[in-house]
Each structure stands twice: as structure tokens, then as C-alpha cells.
Amino acid sequence: MLAFLDPPEIILIIVVVLVLFGGSQLPKLAKNLGKAQQEFKSGLAEGQKDAAPESKTDSTN
């Protein structure tokens, strides 16, 4: 995903994030980002589960 970024660019991004959010806010930010990613994945899985029976019935018609 980050293949297009060189190491100096990644370091610069990390420094900017530290300056903007501060060291004390980073754990909370990471926790919220992890929760959002987990909810997104579960929503995708639920959507695929709901769409699977519809696609089977559509292909038989």
C-alpha cells in the first residue's frame, strides 16, 4: 500500500502526525482507527453475505 512512498517521506509523515496530534493523542487515534477498520470489514462481510443469496437467485432466472 505504501510502496510509492520512500523512507524519508514516511518519516516526514510520521513527524507531521506527531506535531499535529501530539504523543498523548496517538494511542487514542490508533484505537479509533482500528475500531473503524474492524467495523468496515464486518460491514463488508455482512454485505457480501446478504448479496450472495440474491446473486444465486438472479442467476437461476
N, C-alpha and C. Protein backbone atom coordinates (compact mmCIF):
# COMPACT_ATOMS: atom_id res chain seq x y z
N MET A 1 0.82 -1.19 0.00
CA MET A 1 0.00 0.00 0.00
C MET A 1 0.87 1.26 0.00
N LEU A 2 1.92 1.24 0.77
CA LEU A 2 2.79 2.41 0.84
C LEU A 2 4.03 2.21 -0.03
N ALA A 3 3.93 1.43 -1.09
CA ALA A 3 5.07 1.14 -1.94
C ALA A 3 5.55 2.38 -2.69
N PHE A 4 4.66 3.33 -2.92
CA PHE A 4 5.04 4.51 -3.67
C PHE A 4 5.72 5.56 -2.80
N LEU A 5 5.82 5.34 -1.50
CA LEU A 5 6.47 6.29 -0.59
C LEU A 5 7.87 5.79 -0.25
N ASP A 6 8.82 6.69 -0.31
CA ASP A 6 10.18 6.37 0.09
C ASP A 6 10.31 6.53 1.60
N PRO A 7 11.33 5.93 2.20
CA PRO A 7 11.50 6.05 3.65
C PRO A 7 11.56 7.48 4.18
N PRO A 8 12.24 8.42 3.51
CA PRO A 8 12.22 9.80 4.05
C PRO A 8 10.82 10.41 4.06
N GLU A 9 10.00 10.07 3.08
CA GLU A 9 8.64 10.60 3.04
C GLU A 9 7.80 10.03 4.17
N ILE A 10 7.99 8.75 4.47
CA ILE A 10 7.25 8.12 5.58
C ILE A 10 7.65 8.77 6.90
N ILE A 11 8.95 9.02 7.07
CA ILE A 11 9.42 9.68 8.30
C ILE A 11 8.83 11.08 8.42
N LEU A 12 8.76 11.80 7.32
CA LEU A 12 8.18 13.14 7.33
C LEU A 12 6.70 13.08 7.72
N ILE A 13 5.97 12.13 7.20
CA ILE A 13 4.56 11.97 7.55
C ILE A 13 4.41 11.67 9.03
N ILE A 14 5.25 10.80 9.56
CA ILE A 14 5.18 10.45 10.99
C ILE A 14 5.46 11.69 11.85
N VAL A 15 6.45 12.50 11.47
CA VAL A 15 6.78 13.71 12.22
C VAL A 15 5.61 14.69 12.19
N VAL A 16 4.98 14.86 11.02
CA VAL A 16 3.84 15.77 10.91
C VAL A 16 2.68 15.30 11.77
N VAL A 17 2.42 14.00 11.78
CA VAL A 17 1.34 13.45 12.60
C VAL A 17 1.65 13.69 14.08
N LEU A 18 2.89 13.47 14.49
CA LEU A 18 3.26 13.72 15.88
C LEU A 18 3.08 15.18 16.26
N VAL A 19 3.43 16.08 15.37
CA VAL A 19 3.29 17.51 15.67
C VAL A 19 1.82 17.90 15.74
N LEU A 20 1.00 17.39 14.82
CA LEU A 20 -0.41 17.77 14.78
C LEU A 20 -1.20 17.19 15.96
N PHE A 21 -1.00 15.93 16.26
CA PHE A 21 -1.83 15.27 17.26
C PHE A 21 -1.17 15.16 18.62
N GLY A 22 0.12 15.25 18.69
CA GLY A 22 0.81 15.11 19.96
C GLY A 22 0.95 13.65 20.35
N GLY A 23 1.92 13.37 21.17
CA GLY A 23 2.20 11.99 21.57
C GLY A 23 1.10 11.36 22.41
N SER A 24 0.40 12.16 23.20
CA SER A 24 -0.62 11.60 24.08
C SER A 24 -1.89 11.21 23.32
N GLN A 25 -2.14 11.82 22.18
CA GLN A 25 -3.35 11.54 21.41
C GLN A 25 -3.19 10.37 20.45
N LEU A 26 -1.96 9.96 20.16
CA LEU A 26 -1.74 8.91 19.18
C LEU A 26 -2.34 7.56 19.57
N PRO A 27 -2.24 7.10 20.81
CA PRO A 27 -2.88 5.82 21.14
C PRO A 27 -4.39 5.84 20.96
N LYS A 28 -5.03 6.95 21.34
CA LYS A 28 -6.48 7.07 21.16
C LYS A 28 -6.84 7.08 19.68
N LEU A 29 -6.04 7.80 18.89
CA LEU A 29 -6.27 7.87 17.46
C LEU A 29 -6.11 6.50 16.81
N ALA A 30 -5.09 5.76 17.20
CA ALA A 30 -4.86 4.42 16.65
C ALA A 30 -5.98 3.46 17.05
N LYS A 31 -6.46 3.57 18.29
CA LYS A 31 -7.55 2.72 18.75
C LYS A 31 -8.83 2.99 17.95
N ASN A 32 -9.15 4.25 17.75
CA ASN A 32 -10.34 4.60 16.99
C ASN A 32 -10.21 4.18 15.52
N LEU A 33 -9.02 4.30 14.97
CA LEU A 33 -8.79 3.87 13.60
C LEU A 33 -8.95 2.36 13.48
N GLY A 34 -8.46 1.62 14.45
CA GLY A 34 -8.63 0.16 14.45
C GLY A 34 -10.08 -0.24 14.56
N LYS A 35 -10.85 0.44 15.42
CA LYS A 35 -12.28 0.15 15.54
C LYS A 35 -13.01 0.43 14.23
N ALA A 36 -12.67 1.54 13.59
CA ALA A 36 -13.32 1.89 12.33
C ALA A 36 -13.00 0.86 11.25
N GLN A 37 -11.78 0.40 11.21
CA GLN A 37 -11.39 -0.61 10.23
C GLN A 37 -12.12 -1.92 10.49
N GLN A 38 -12.26 -2.30 11.75
CA GLN A 38 -12.96 -3.54 12.10
C GLN A 38 -14.45 -3.44 11.73
N GLU A 39 -15.07 -2.32 11.99
CA GLU A 39 -16.47 -2.13 11.63
C GLU A 39 -16.65 -2.14 10.11
N PHE A 40 -15.71 -1.55 9.39
CA PHE A 40 -15.78 -1.53 7.94
C PHE A 40 -15.69 -2.94 7.37
N LYS A 41 -14.76 -3.74 7.89
CA LYS A 41 -14.60 -5.11 7.43
C LYS A 41 -15.84 -5.95 7.74
N SER A 42 -16.39 -5.78 8.94
CA SER A 42 -17.59 -6.55 9.28
C SER A 42 -18.77 -6.11 8.43
N GLY A 43 -18.85 -4.84 8.10
CA GLY A 43 -19.91 -4.36 7.22
C GLY A 43 -19.77 -4.93 5.82
N LEU A 44 -18.54 -5.02 5.33
CA LEU A 44 -18.32 -5.62 4.02
C LEU A 44 -18.70 -7.10 4.02
N ALA A 45 -18.31 -7.80 5.07
CA ALA A 45 -18.64 -9.23 5.15
C ALA A 45 -20.15 -9.43 5.23
N GLU A 46 -20.82 -8.58 5.98
CA GLU A 46 -22.27 -8.68 6.09
C GLU A 46 -22.94 -8.36 4.75
N GLY A 47 -22.41 -7.38 4.05
CA GLY A 47 -22.95 -7.03 2.74
C GLY A 47 -22.76 -8.15 1.73
N GLN A 48 -21.60 -8.80 1.78
CA GLN A 48 -21.35 -9.92 0.88
C GLN A 48 -22.25 -11.10 1.21
N LYS A 49 -22.50 -11.30 2.51
CA LYS A 49 -23.38 -12.38 2.93
C LYS A 49 -24.80 -12.13 2.46
N ASP A 50 -25.24 -10.88 2.55
CA ASP A 50 -26.59 -10.53 2.09
C ASP A 50 -26.70 -10.59 0.58
N ALA A 51 -25.64 -10.25 -0.13
CA ALA A 51 -25.67 -10.22 -1.59
C ALA A 51 -25.54 -11.62 -2.19
N ALA A 52 -24.95 -12.55 -1.47
CA ALA A 52 -24.73 -13.89 -2.01
C ALA A 52 -26.05 -14.61 -2.35
N PRO A 53 -27.06 -14.63 -1.48
CA PRO A 53 -28.30 -15.31 -1.86
C PRO A 53 -29.01 -14.62 -3.03
N GLU A 54 -28.91 -13.30 -3.13
CA GLU A 54 -29.53 -12.58 -4.23
C GLU A 54 -28.89 -12.95 -5.56
N SER A 55 -27.57 -13.09 -5.58
CA SER A 55 -26.89 -13.41 -6.83
C SER A 55 -27.21 -14.83 -7.26
N LYS A 56 -27.41 -15.74 -6.32
CA LYS A 56 -27.76 -17.11 -6.67
C LYS A 56 -29.15 -17.17 -7.27
N THR A 57 -30.10 -16.40 -6.73
CA THR A 57 -31.46 -16.43 -7.26
C THR A 57 -31.53 -15.72 -8.59
N ASP A 58 -30.70 -14.70 -8.80
CA ASP A 58 -30.70 -13.98 -10.07
C ASP A 58 -30.13 -14.85 -11.18
N SER A 59 -29.14 -15.68 -10.90
CA SER A 59 -28.52 -16.47 -11.94
C SER A 59 -29.41 -17.63 -12.41
N THR A 60 -30.37 -18.05 -11.58
CA THR A 60 -31.25 -19.14 -11.98
C THR A 60 -32.40 -18.66 -12.82
N ASN A 61 -32.71 -17.37 -12.80
CA ASN A 61 -33.83 -16.83 -13.59
C ASN A 61 -33.44 -16.57 -15.01
